[in-house]
Structure formats: structure tokens, C-alpha cells
Amino acid sequence: MEVQGKRILITGGSSGIGLETARALAGKGAKVFIVGRRGKVVAQAVAALRGAGGQAEGTDADVTTPEGRTRALVGARTWLGGLDILINNAGGVRAGRLEDTPEADIRQMVEVNLLSPILLARAALPDLRAAGDGMIVNVASGIALVGVPFYTTYAAVKAGISHFGEALRRELKGEGVHVLTIYPAATDTPMMTSSHAGPDLGFVREPASAVAQAIVEGIETAAFQVIRGGETRLAMIAQNRSDPAALDARFLGLKPKLAEAVKDHSAL
């Protein structure tokens, strides 16, 4: 897909992977409409994108609510004049032992990471069909492919959006709308600020700009999926399928240190 001139809505687009993806797409001539919960931060992001010569607009909206999803879509339709690509990037995490995780945080992770992208995709499908060459991009996580201790709910919802994308891609095959799923590894974003897990625990953070570039390449090539983390991540995924007990043993040795490192990891 040629991204120049494409009309793109990006949720969670005011910071992190979302903002860097907006920057990369705008740099290639796309028109981007970003959505975030904090109006001031959205305005700053839009100003930065425009300052770099990009065509950008945005709005503050909480896409976990019906009103927020409507605000996002109406704003995008009005400014863009239609919609070619929906990027479901908004997300949130709360790490820690399952029994210590408040029910409200569990529900919030389900809402923002799984339910909202599904409902937003459903609402945007008429626009994407009308475009004739539409695309939905769902940002999952490497944790969707290899479950990590203390990220049980996060792993569940990210695996859910992964399989949602796979099923929807097949459902829409031949109908002018493609679905791409992104699996970032640990990324240097505001969402990771409260995590103290480092390379010794397998959390090697790459720049958000690198993930964004991979997303753009995935869009351009109409890929099915983009998996970050290099050969190390691919080897772990393969081992998780062929010898999951070996990974269980590996994580057993890491559990005490990992539990301490991620106990305060929260971005909801």
C-alpha cells in the first residue's frame, strides 16, 4: 500500500509508539488524525507533527467509552474526509500477581486493550470498505506470543486482540480491507516508565521510532504481522511451542527478581 495521501486515524497517538507512527506516516505524505485522553498532550503532539511539515489534526477522547469512540471517528471523518487506515494503538498495563491486581485494573485492561479496538474496528468498517483499499492495524504485544509471569491479564487481552485480528483478516479477505497485527517487544515509551525490568530479565527496550518504522513497512507491504525483538524473540516463540516446560523453568529462576522489578508497573 502506498501511504502517501492515505487518511489515517491513530488511537493513543499523542505519545510513544502512536506518536512516532504518526510522525513516520506524516513524513511520507499521509494525513494523520491522532486521538489521546489528554487534550493538552494531543495539542502538543499535533503542533509537533505540523511543525515538521506533516498534515495532522487530533482530538482528546477516551476510546473505552461509546462517547469517546464516536468523538474519535466523527472527528477523523470530518477532518480527513474519509478513512483509509485505522491504527488501534491505545493500550494500558498493570503488572503484578493476579491476586494482588484490583478488579478495576483488570477490567480497564480488558476495555482499553481488547474491547475498545474491537468496537472501534466495527464502527470504522463502513469507512474502510468505502475507501476500497482499507486497513486495520492492531498493536498487540510480544507478550501475546509468549506469556510472561505477572502480566497475566495483559497477556490475555493482547493475545485476544491478536486472534481477533487474524480472524477478522480472514473474514474480510477479498472485501477490500486488510488487517495487520503488530507485536512490539519492550519499547522505550511512557508506558514503560514505571517498569524496572531490564536486559537481565529479557526486557531490552528499543526506540519507539524503530517500532514505528516497522509498522510503516508492514503497512506498505500489506504484511500479516510484524514481530519485534529480533532472532532472540523468534527463538523464544519457537521454544514456547516446542518445549514450553523449558521456558517455565527459565521463568521460575527469574520470578523473584522479575516480581520486584515490575511490581509498580502501571500505566492505565
C-alpha atoms as a PDB file:
ATOM      1  CA  MET A   1       0.000   0.000   0.000  1.00  0.00           C
ATOM      2  CA  GLU A   2       1.232   3.475  -0.870  1.00  0.00           C
ATOM      3  CA  VAL A   3       0.787   5.573   2.287  1.00  0.00           C
ATOM      4  CA  GLN A   4       1.083   8.961   0.607  1.00  0.00           C
ATOM      5  CA  GLY A   5      -2.301  10.661   0.732  1.00  0.00           C
ATOM      6  CA  LYS A   6      -3.826   7.986   2.968  1.00  0.00           C
ATOM      7  CA  ARG A   7      -6.240   9.146   5.668  1.00  0.00           C
ATOM      8  CA  ILE A   8      -5.246   7.573   8.979  1.00  0.00           C
ATOM      9  CA  LEU A   9      -6.769   7.507  12.465  1.00  0.00           C
ATOM     10  CA  ILE A  10      -4.371   6.553  15.282  1.00  0.00           C
ATOM     11  CA  THR A  11      -5.586   5.926  18.831  1.00  0.00           C
ATOM     12  CA  GLY A  12      -3.051   6.519  21.573  1.00  0.00           C
ATOM     13  CA  GLY A  13      -1.416   8.783  19.041  1.00  0.00           C
ATOM     14  CA  SER A  14      -0.170  11.570  21.281  1.00  0.00           C
ATOM     15  CA  SER A  15       2.890   9.756  22.666  1.00  0.00           C
ATOM     16  CA  GLY A  16       5.061   6.657  22.407  1.00  0.00           C
ATOM     17  CA  ILE A  17       4.600   4.255  19.516  1.00  0.00           C
ATOM     18  CA  GLY A  18       1.451   6.035  18.362  1.00  0.00           C
ATOM     19  CA  LEU A  19       3.098   9.439  18.024  1.00  0.00           C
ATOM     20  CA  GLU A  20       6.198   8.030  16.345  1.00  0.00           C
ATOM     21  CA  THR A  21       3.991   6.129  13.894  1.00  0.00           C
ATOM     22  CA  ALA A  22       2.055   9.318  13.157  1.00  0.00           C
ATOM     23  CA  ARG A  23       5.351  11.114  12.596  1.00  0.00           C
ATOM     24  CA  ALA A  24       6.630   8.427  10.220  1.00  0.00           C
ATOM     25  CA  LEU A  25       3.393   8.272   8.242  1.00  0.00           C
ATOM     26  CA  ALA A  26       3.042  12.047   8.018  1.00  0.00           C
ATOM     27  CA  GLY A  27       6.622  12.180   6.788  1.00  0.00           C
ATOM     28  CA  LYS A  28       5.573  10.001   3.870  1.00  0.00           C
ATOM     29  CA  GLY A  29       2.683  12.260   2.956  1.00  0.00           C
ATOM     30  CA  ALA A  30      -0.197  10.645   4.852  1.00  0.00           C
ATOM     31  CA  LYS A  31      -2.849  12.688   6.661  1.00  0.00           C
ATOM     32  CA  VAL A  32      -2.997  11.644  10.304  1.00  0.00           C
ATOM     33  CA  PHE A  33      -5.667  12.200  12.924  1.00  0.00           C
ATOM     34  CA  ILE A  34      -4.462  11.321  16.417  1.00  0.00           C
ATOM     35  CA  VAL A  35      -6.522  10.552  19.496  1.00  0.00           C
ATOM     36  CA  GLY A  36      -5.455  10.642  23.136  1.00  0.00           C
ATOM     37  CA  ARG A  37      -7.095  11.131  26.520  1.00  0.00           C
ATOM     38  CA  ARG A  38      -5.285  14.368  27.468  1.00  0.00           C
ATOM     39  CA  GLY A  39      -6.219  17.365  25.363  1.00  0.00           C
ATOM     40  CA  LYS A  40      -3.080  19.359  26.133  1.00  0.00           C
ATOM     41  CA  VAL A  41      -0.801  16.471  25.169  1.00  0.00           C
ATOM     42  CA  VAL A  42      -2.761  15.871  21.955  1.00  0.00           C
ATOM     43  CA  ALA A  43      -2.464  19.565  21.037  1.00  0.00           C
ATOM     44  CA  GLN A  44       1.296  19.478  21.650  1.00  0.00           C
ATOM     45  CA  ALA A  45       1.661  16.359  19.510  1.00  0.00           C
ATOM     46  CA  VAL A  46      -0.349  17.878  16.662  1.00  0.00           C
ATOM     47  CA  ALA A  47       1.771  21.037  16.827  1.00  0.00           C
ATOM     48  CA  ALA A  48       4.970  18.953  16.662  1.00  0.00           C
ATOM     49  CA  LEU A  49       3.704  16.990  13.657  1.00  0.00           C
ATOM     50  CA  ARG A  50       2.701  20.168  11.837  1.00  0.00           C
ATOM     51  CA  GLY A  51       5.972  21.815  12.772  1.00  0.00           C
ATOM     52  CA  ALA A  52       7.767  19.012  10.929  1.00  0.00           C
ATOM     53  CA  GLY A  53       5.650  19.662   7.853  1.00  0.00           C
ATOM     54  CA  GLY A  54       3.050  16.941   8.420  1.00  0.00           C
ATOM     55  CA  GLN A  55      -0.677  17.084   7.797  1.00  0.00           C
ATOM     56  CA  ALA A  56      -2.109  16.401  11.248  1.00  0.00           C
ATOM     57  CA  GLU A  57      -5.077  17.011  13.491  1.00  0.00           C
ATOM     58  CA  GLY A  58      -6.356  15.376  16.634  1.00  0.00           C
ATOM     59  CA  THR A  59      -8.812  15.285  19.485  1.00  0.00           C
ATOM     60  CA  ASP A  60      -8.996  14.235  23.103  1.00  0.00           C
ATOM     61  CA  ALA A  61     -11.204  11.186  23.606  1.00  0.00           C
ATOM     62  CA  ASP A  62     -11.378   8.135  25.832  1.00  0.00           C
ATOM     63  CA  VAL A  63     -11.955   5.286  23.398  1.00  0.00           C
ATOM     64  CA  THR A  64     -13.053   2.949  26.198  1.00  0.00           C
ATOM     65  CA  THR A  65     -16.375   4.834  26.198  1.00  0.00           C
ATOM     66  CA  PRO A  66     -19.027   4.924  23.456  1.00  0.00           C
ATOM     67  CA  GLU A  67     -18.878   8.711  23.512  1.00  0.00           C
ATOM     68  CA  GLY A  68     -15.112   8.683  23.094  1.00  0.00           C
ATOM     69  CA  ARG A  69     -15.186   6.282  20.154  1.00  0.00           C
ATOM     70  CA  THR A  70     -17.861   8.383  18.471  1.00  0.00           C
ATOM     71  CA  ARG A  71     -15.864  11.568  19.083  1.00  0.00           C
ATOM     72  CA  ALA A  72     -12.753   9.986  17.604  1.00  0.00           C
ATOM     73  CA  LEU A  73     -14.471   8.663  14.481  1.00  0.00           C
ATOM     74  CA  VAL A  74     -16.561  11.775  13.830  1.00  0.00           C
ATOM     75  CA  GLY A  75     -13.506  13.976  14.265  1.00  0.00           C
ATOM     76  CA  ALA A  76     -11.474  11.831  11.903  1.00  0.00           C
ATOM     77  CA  ARG A  77     -14.206  11.635   9.268  1.00  0.00           C
ATOM     78  CA  THR A  78     -14.773  15.373   9.392  1.00  0.00           C
ATOM     79  CA  TRP A  79     -11.117  16.383   9.104  1.00  0.00           C
ATOM     80  CA  LEU A  80      -9.868  13.584   6.889  1.00  0.00           C
ATOM     81  CA  GLY A  81     -12.905  13.401   4.631  1.00  0.00           C
ATOM     82  CA  GLY A  82     -12.983   9.612   4.988  1.00  0.00           C
ATOM     83  CA  LEU A  83     -10.798   6.888   6.406  1.00  0.00           C
ATOM     84  CA  ASP A  84      -8.286   4.537   4.791  1.00  0.00           C
ATOM     85  CA  ILE A  85      -6.433   3.135   7.812  1.00  0.00           C
ATOM     86  CA  LEU A  86      -7.403   2.636  11.454  1.00  0.00           C
ATOM     87  CA  ILE A  87      -4.499   2.039  13.836  1.00  0.00           C
ATOM     88  CA  ASN A  88      -5.660   0.638  17.175  1.00  0.00           C
ATOM     89  CA  ASN A  89      -2.675   1.590  19.304  1.00  0.00           C
ATOM     90  CA  ALA A  90      -4.176   2.841  22.592  1.00  0.00           C
ATOM     91  CA  GLY A  91      -3.314   0.492  25.436  1.00  0.00           C
ATOM     92  CA  GLY A  92      -2.644   0.154  29.122  1.00  0.00           C
ATOM     93  CA  VAL A  93      -0.964  -2.227  31.541  1.00  0.00           C
ATOM     94  CA  ARG A  94      -0.942  -3.152  35.212  1.00  0.00           C
ATOM     95  CA  ALA A  95       1.634  -5.763  36.186  1.00  0.00           C
ATOM     96  CA  GLY A  96       1.886  -7.824  39.351  1.00  0.00           C
ATOM     97  CA  ARG A  97       0.471 -11.024  40.789  1.00  0.00           C
ATOM     98  CA  LEU A  98      -3.058 -11.738  39.626  1.00  0.00           C
ATOM     99  CA  GLU A  99      -4.459 -11.998  43.151  1.00  0.00           C
ATOM    100  CA  ASP A 100      -2.965  -8.604  44.000  1.00  0.00           C
ATOM    101  CA  THR A 101      -4.372  -6.859  40.928  1.00  0.00           C
ATOM    102  CA  PRO A 102      -7.502  -4.797  41.641  1.00  0.00           C
ATOM    103  CA  GLU A 103     -10.591  -5.861  39.710  1.00  0.00           C
ATOM    104  CA  ALA A 104     -10.951  -2.314  38.376  1.00  0.00           C
ATOM    105  CA  ASP A 105      -7.488  -2.540  36.796  1.00  0.00           C
ATOM    106  CA  ILE A 106      -8.304  -5.914  35.234  1.00  0.00           C
ATOM    107  CA  ARG A 107     -11.489  -4.516  33.739  1.00  0.00           C
ATOM    108  CA  GLN A 108      -9.661  -1.438  32.467  1.00  0.00           C
ATOM    109  CA  MET A 109      -7.072  -3.592  30.683  1.00  0.00           C
ATOM    110  CA  VAL A 110      -9.848  -5.563  29.009  1.00  0.00           C
ATOM    111  CA  GLU A 111     -11.617  -2.358  27.986  1.00  0.00           C
ATOM    112  CA  VAL A 112      -8.665  -0.458  26.531  1.00  0.00           C
ATOM    113  CA  ASN A 113      -6.653  -3.316  25.018  1.00  0.00           C
ATOM    114  CA  LEU A 114      -9.392  -5.597  23.701  1.00  0.00           C
ATOM    115  CA  LEU A 115     -12.970  -4.358  23.759  1.00  0.00           C
ATOM    116  CA  SER A 116     -12.291  -0.835  22.509  1.00  0.00           C
ATOM    117  CA  PRO A 117     -10.268  -1.899  19.429  1.00  0.00           C
ATOM    118  CA  ILE A 118     -12.934  -4.443  18.518  1.00  0.00           C
ATOM    119  CA  LEU A 119     -15.764  -1.909  18.779  1.00  0.00           C
ATOM    120  CA  LEU A 120     -13.783   0.820  17.027  1.00  0.00           C
ATOM    121  CA  ALA A 121     -12.957  -1.538  14.165  1.00  0.00           C
ATOM    122  CA  ARG A 122     -16.616  -2.478  13.852  1.00  0.00           C
ATOM    123  CA  ALA A 123     -17.669   1.165  13.760  1.00  0.00           C
ATOM    124  CA  ALA A 124     -14.972   2.090  11.228  1.00  0.00           C
ATOM    125  CA  LEU A 125     -15.624  -0.774   8.778  1.00  0.00           C
ATOM    126  CA  PRO A 126     -18.100   1.155   6.586  1.00  0.00           C
ATOM    127  CA  ASP A 127     -15.487   3.897   6.090  1.00  0.00           C
ATOM    128  CA  LEU A 128     -12.711   1.391   5.365  1.00  0.00           C
ATOM    129  CA  ARG A 129     -14.892  -0.505   2.871  1.00  0.00           C
ATOM    130  CA  ALA A 130     -15.755   2.732   1.126  1.00  0.00           C
ATOM    131  CA  ALA A 131     -12.051   3.508   0.772  1.00  0.00           C
ATOM    132  CA  GLY A 132     -11.671   0.407  -1.408  1.00  0.00           C
ATOM    133  CA  ASP A 133      -8.186  -0.313  -0.066  1.00  0.00           C
ATOM    134  CA  GLY A 134      -8.607  -0.068   3.683  1.00  0.00           C
ATOM    135  CA  MET A 135      -6.576  -1.440   6.545  1.00  0.00           C
ATOM    136  CA  ILE A 136      -6.874  -2.065  10.276  1.00  0.00           C
ATOM    137  CA  VAL A 137      -3.630  -2.166  12.240  1.00  0.00           C
ATOM    138  CA  ASN A 138      -3.849  -3.664  15.741  1.00  0.00           C
ATOM    139  CA  VAL A 139      -0.934  -3.145  18.117  1.00  0.00           C
ATOM    140  CA  ALA A 140      -0.675  -6.246  20.318  1.00  0.00           C
ATOM    141  CA  SER A 141       2.489  -7.213  22.240  1.00  0.00           C
ATOM    142  CA  GLY A 142       5.221  -9.809  22.229  1.00  0.00           C
ATOM    143  CA  ILE A 143       3.642 -10.990  25.489  1.00  0.00           C
ATOM    144  CA  ALA A 144       0.695 -12.162  23.380  1.00  0.00           C
ATOM    145  CA  LEU A 145       3.022 -14.765  21.848  1.00  0.00           C
ATOM    146  CA  VAL A 146       4.980 -15.759  24.954  1.00  0.00           C
ATOM    147  CA  GLY A 147       3.174 -15.342  28.266  1.00  0.00           C
ATOM    148  CA  VAL A 148       5.270 -13.700  30.976  1.00  0.00           C
ATOM    149  CA  PRO A 149       4.689 -14.069  34.741  1.00  0.00           C
ATOM    150  CA  PHE A 150       2.991 -11.109  36.446  1.00  0.00           C
ATOM    151  CA  TYR A 151       1.438  -9.976  33.141  1.00  0.00           C
ATOM    152  CA  THR A 152      -1.413 -12.490  33.116  1.00  0.00           C
ATOM    153  CA  THR A 153      -4.315 -10.191  32.214  1.00  0.00           C
ATOM    154  CA  TYR A 154      -2.187  -8.141  29.838  1.00  0.00           C
ATOM    155  CA  ALA A 155      -1.093 -11.332  28.079  1.00  0.00           C
ATOM    156  CA  ALA A 156      -4.720 -12.458  27.826  1.00  0.00           C
ATOM    157  CA  VAL A 157      -6.039  -9.264  26.253  1.00  0.00           C
ATOM    158  CA  LYS A 158      -3.114  -8.877  23.872  1.00  0.00           C
ATOM    159  CA  ALA A 159      -3.495 -12.497  22.767  1.00  0.00           C
ATOM    160  CA  GLY A 160      -7.174 -11.732  22.322  1.00  0.00           C
ATOM    161  CA  ILE A 161      -6.552  -8.787  20.010  1.00  0.00           C
ATOM    162  CA  SER A 162      -4.042 -10.914  18.113  1.00  0.00           C
ATOM    163  CA  HIS A 163      -6.575 -13.630  17.352  1.00  0.00           C
ATOM    164  CA  PHE A 164      -9.289 -11.039  16.723  1.00  0.00           C
ATOM    165  CA  GLY A 165      -7.075  -9.581  14.009  1.00  0.00           C
ATOM    166  CA  GLU A 166      -6.317 -12.971  12.496  1.00  0.00           C
ATOM    167  CA  ALA A 167      -9.994 -13.957  12.370  1.00  0.00           C
ATOM    168  CA  LEU A 168     -11.077 -10.553  11.065  1.00  0.00           C
ATOM    169  CA  ARG A 169      -8.412 -10.638   8.345  1.00  0.00           C
ATOM    170  CA  ARG A 170      -9.892 -13.894   7.075  1.00  0.00           C
ATOM    171  CA  GLU A 171     -13.440 -12.594   7.466  1.00  0.00           C
ATOM    172  CA  LEU A 172     -12.624  -9.551   5.318  1.00  0.00           C
ATOM    173  CA  LYS A 173     -10.451 -11.366   2.757  1.00  0.00           C
ATOM    174  CA  GLY A 174     -11.424 -10.262  -0.741  1.00  0.00           C
ATOM    175  CA  GLU A 175     -13.526  -7.369   0.551  1.00  0.00           C
ATOM    176  CA  GLY A 176     -11.005  -4.542   0.293  1.00  0.00           C
ATOM    177  CA  VAL A 177      -9.944  -4.345   3.962  1.00  0.00           C
ATOM    178  CA  HIS A 178      -6.703  -5.901   5.245  1.00  0.00           C
ATOM    179  CA  VAL A 179      -5.769  -6.499   8.894  1.00  0.00           C
ATOM    180  CA  LEU A 180      -2.202  -6.239  10.207  1.00  0.00           C
ATOM    181  CA  THR A 181      -1.106  -7.184  13.736  1.00  0.00           C
ATOM    182  CA  ILE A 182       1.958  -5.677  15.420  1.00  0.00           C
ATOM    183  CA  TYR A 183       3.856  -7.408  18.232  1.00  0.00           C
ATOM    184  CA  PRO A 184       6.242  -4.897  19.851  1.00  0.00           C
ATOM    185  CA  ALA A 185       8.877  -6.111  22.279  1.00  0.00           C
ATOM    186  CA  ALA A 186       9.853  -3.896  25.227  1.00  0.00           C
ATOM    187  CA  THR A 187       9.808  -0.341  23.875  1.00  0.00           C
ATOM    188  CA  ASP A 188      11.093   2.907  25.340  1.00  0.00           C
ATOM    189  CA  THR A 189       7.759   4.682  25.842  1.00  0.00           C
ATOM    190  CA  PRO A 190       5.991   6.491  28.714  1.00  0.00           C
ATOM    191  CA  MET A 191       4.037   3.265  29.377  1.00  0.00           C
ATOM    192  CA  MET A 192       7.298   1.587  30.439  1.00  0.00           C
ATOM    193  CA  THR A 193       8.458   4.330  32.815  1.00  0.00           C
ATOM    194  CA  SER A 194       7.259   2.565  35.955  1.00  0.00           C
ATOM    195  CA  SER A 195       8.801  -0.787  34.985  1.00  0.00           C
ATOM    196  CA  HIS A 196      12.273  -1.570  36.322  1.00  0.00           C
ATOM    197  CA  ALA A 197      12.750  -4.766  34.313  1.00  0.00           C
ATOM    198  CA  GLY A 198      15.971  -4.534  32.306  1.00  0.00           C
ATOM    199  CA  PRO A 199      18.052  -6.571  29.860  1.00  0.00           C
ATOM    200  CA  ASP A 200      18.986  -9.099  32.546  1.00  0.00           C
ATOM    201  CA  LEU A 201      15.316 -10.081  32.642  1.00  0.00           C
ATOM    202  CA  GLY A 202      14.875 -10.026  28.881  1.00  0.00           C
ATOM    203  CA  PHE A 203      13.443  -6.523  28.630  1.00  0.00           C
ATOM    204  CA  VAL A 204      15.742  -4.845  26.110  1.00  0.00           C
ATOM    205  CA  ARG A 205      13.958  -1.664  25.120  1.00  0.00           C
ATOM    206  CA  GLU A 206      14.135  -0.398  21.565  1.00  0.00           C
ATOM    207  CA  PRO A 207      13.221   3.142  20.473  1.00  0.00           C
ATOM    208  CA  ALA A 208       9.580   3.782  19.641  1.00  0.00           C
ATOM    209  CA  SER A 209      10.766   5.208  16.316  1.00  0.00           C
ATOM    210  CA  ALA A 210      12.134   1.782  15.319  1.00  0.00           C
ATOM    211  CA  VAL A 211       8.785   0.126  16.040  1.00  0.00           C
ATOM    212  CA  ALA A 212       7.025   2.890  14.107  1.00  0.00           C
ATOM    213  CA  GLN A 213       9.234   2.348  11.083  1.00  0.00           C
ATOM    214  CA  ALA A 214       8.443  -1.378  11.201  1.00  0.00           C
ATOM    215  CA  ILE A 215       4.723  -0.573  11.343  1.00  0.00           C
ATOM    216  CA  VAL A 216       5.002   1.655   8.279  1.00  0.00           C
ATOM    217  CA  GLU A 217       6.869  -1.078   6.409  1.00  0.00           C
ATOM    218  CA  GLY A 218       4.194  -3.560   7.430  1.00  0.00           C
ATOM    219  CA  ILE A 219       1.501  -1.261   6.050  1.00  0.00           C
ATOM    220  CA  GLU A 220       3.388  -0.699   2.819  1.00  0.00           C
ATOM    221  CA  THR A 221       3.876  -4.426   2.222  1.00  0.00           C
ATOM    222  CA  ALA A 222       0.405  -5.464   3.481  1.00  0.00           C
ATOM    223  CA  ALA A 223       2.075  -7.852   5.928  1.00  0.00           C
ATOM    224  CA  PHE A 224       0.019 -10.150   8.133  1.00  0.00           C
ATOM    225  CA  GLN A 225       2.156  -9.467  11.185  1.00  0.00           C
ATOM    226  CA  VAL A 226       5.224  -7.607  12.431  1.00  0.00           C
ATOM    227  CA  ILE A 227       7.133  -9.223  15.302  1.00  0.00           C
ATOM    228  CA  ARG A 228       9.791  -7.161  17.053  1.00  0.00           C
ATOM    229  CA  GLY A 229      12.623  -8.454  19.238  1.00  0.00           C
ATOM    230  CA  GLY A 230      14.849  -9.988  16.580  1.00  0.00           C
ATOM    231  CA  GLU A 231      16.153 -13.535  16.493  1.00  0.00           C
ATOM    232  CA  THR A 232      16.041 -13.809  20.285  1.00  0.00           C
ATOM    233  CA  ARG A 233      12.290 -13.251  20.350  1.00  0.00           C
ATOM    234  CA  LEU A 234      11.698 -15.602  17.423  1.00  0.00           C
ATOM    235  CA  ALA A 235      13.713 -18.320  19.160  1.00  0.00           C
ATOM    236  CA  MET A 236      11.669 -17.855  22.332  1.00  0.00           C
ATOM    237  CA  ILE A 237       8.419 -18.114  20.377  1.00  0.00           C
ATOM    238  CA  ALA A 238       9.632 -21.320  18.740  1.00  0.00           C
ATOM    239  CA  GLN A 239      10.697 -22.783  22.089  1.00  0.00           C
ATOM    240  CA  ASN A 240       7.341 -21.852  23.605  1.00  0.00           C
ATOM    241  CA  ARG A 241       5.723 -24.094  21.022  1.00  0.00           C
ATOM    242  CA  SER A 242       8.227 -26.961  21.023  1.00  0.00           C
ATOM    243  CA  ASP A 243       9.317 -27.086  24.670  1.00  0.00           C
ATOM    244  CA  PRO A 244       7.189 -24.833  26.896  1.00  0.00           C
ATOM    245  CA  ALA A 245       8.419 -26.630  30.022  1.00  0.00           C
ATOM    246  CA  ALA A 246      11.918 -25.293  29.362  1.00  0.00           C
ATOM    247  CA  LEU A 247      10.569 -21.744  29.362  1.00  0.00           C
ATOM    248  CA  ASP A 248       8.611 -22.478  32.534  1.00  0.00           C
ATOM    249  CA  ALA A 249      11.883 -23.482  34.178  1.00  0.00           C
ATOM    250  CA  ARG A 250      13.644 -20.389  32.885  1.00  0.00           C
ATOM    251  CA  PHE A 251      10.957 -18.086  34.249  1.00  0.00           C
ATOM    252  CA  LEU A 252      10.985 -19.949  37.569  1.00  0.00           C
ATOM    253  CA  GLY A 253      14.554 -18.835  38.083  1.00  0.00           C
ATOM    254  CA  LEU A 254      13.672 -15.245  37.201  1.00  0.00           C
ATOM    255  CA  LYS A 255      10.465 -14.963  39.204  1.00  0.00           C
ATOM    256  CA  PRO A 256      11.743 -13.308  42.416  1.00  0.00           C
ATOM    257  CA  LYS A 257      13.710 -10.622  40.599  1.00  0.00           C
ATOM    258  CA  LEU A 258      11.024 -10.105  37.948  1.00  0.00           C
ATOM    259  CA  ALA A 259       8.295  -9.757  40.566  1.00  0.00           C
ATOM    260  CA  GLU A 260      10.256  -6.994  42.290  1.00  0.00           C
ATOM    261  CA  ALA A 261      11.104  -5.237  39.016  1.00  0.00           C
ATOM    262  CA  VAL A 262       7.525  -4.983  37.742  1.00  0.00           C
ATOM    263  CA  LYS A 263       5.534  -4.631  40.961  1.00  0.00           C
ATOM    264  CA  ASP A 264       4.955  -0.921  40.306  1.00  0.00           C
ATOM    265  CA  HIS A 265       4.498  -1.193  36.539  1.00  0.00           C
ATOM    266  CA  SER A 266       1.206   0.551  35.894  1.00  0.00           C
ATOM    267  CA  ALA A 267       0.006   2.707  33.019  1.00  0.00           C
ATOM    268  CA  LEU A 268      -3.758   2.788  32.808  1.00  0.00           C
END
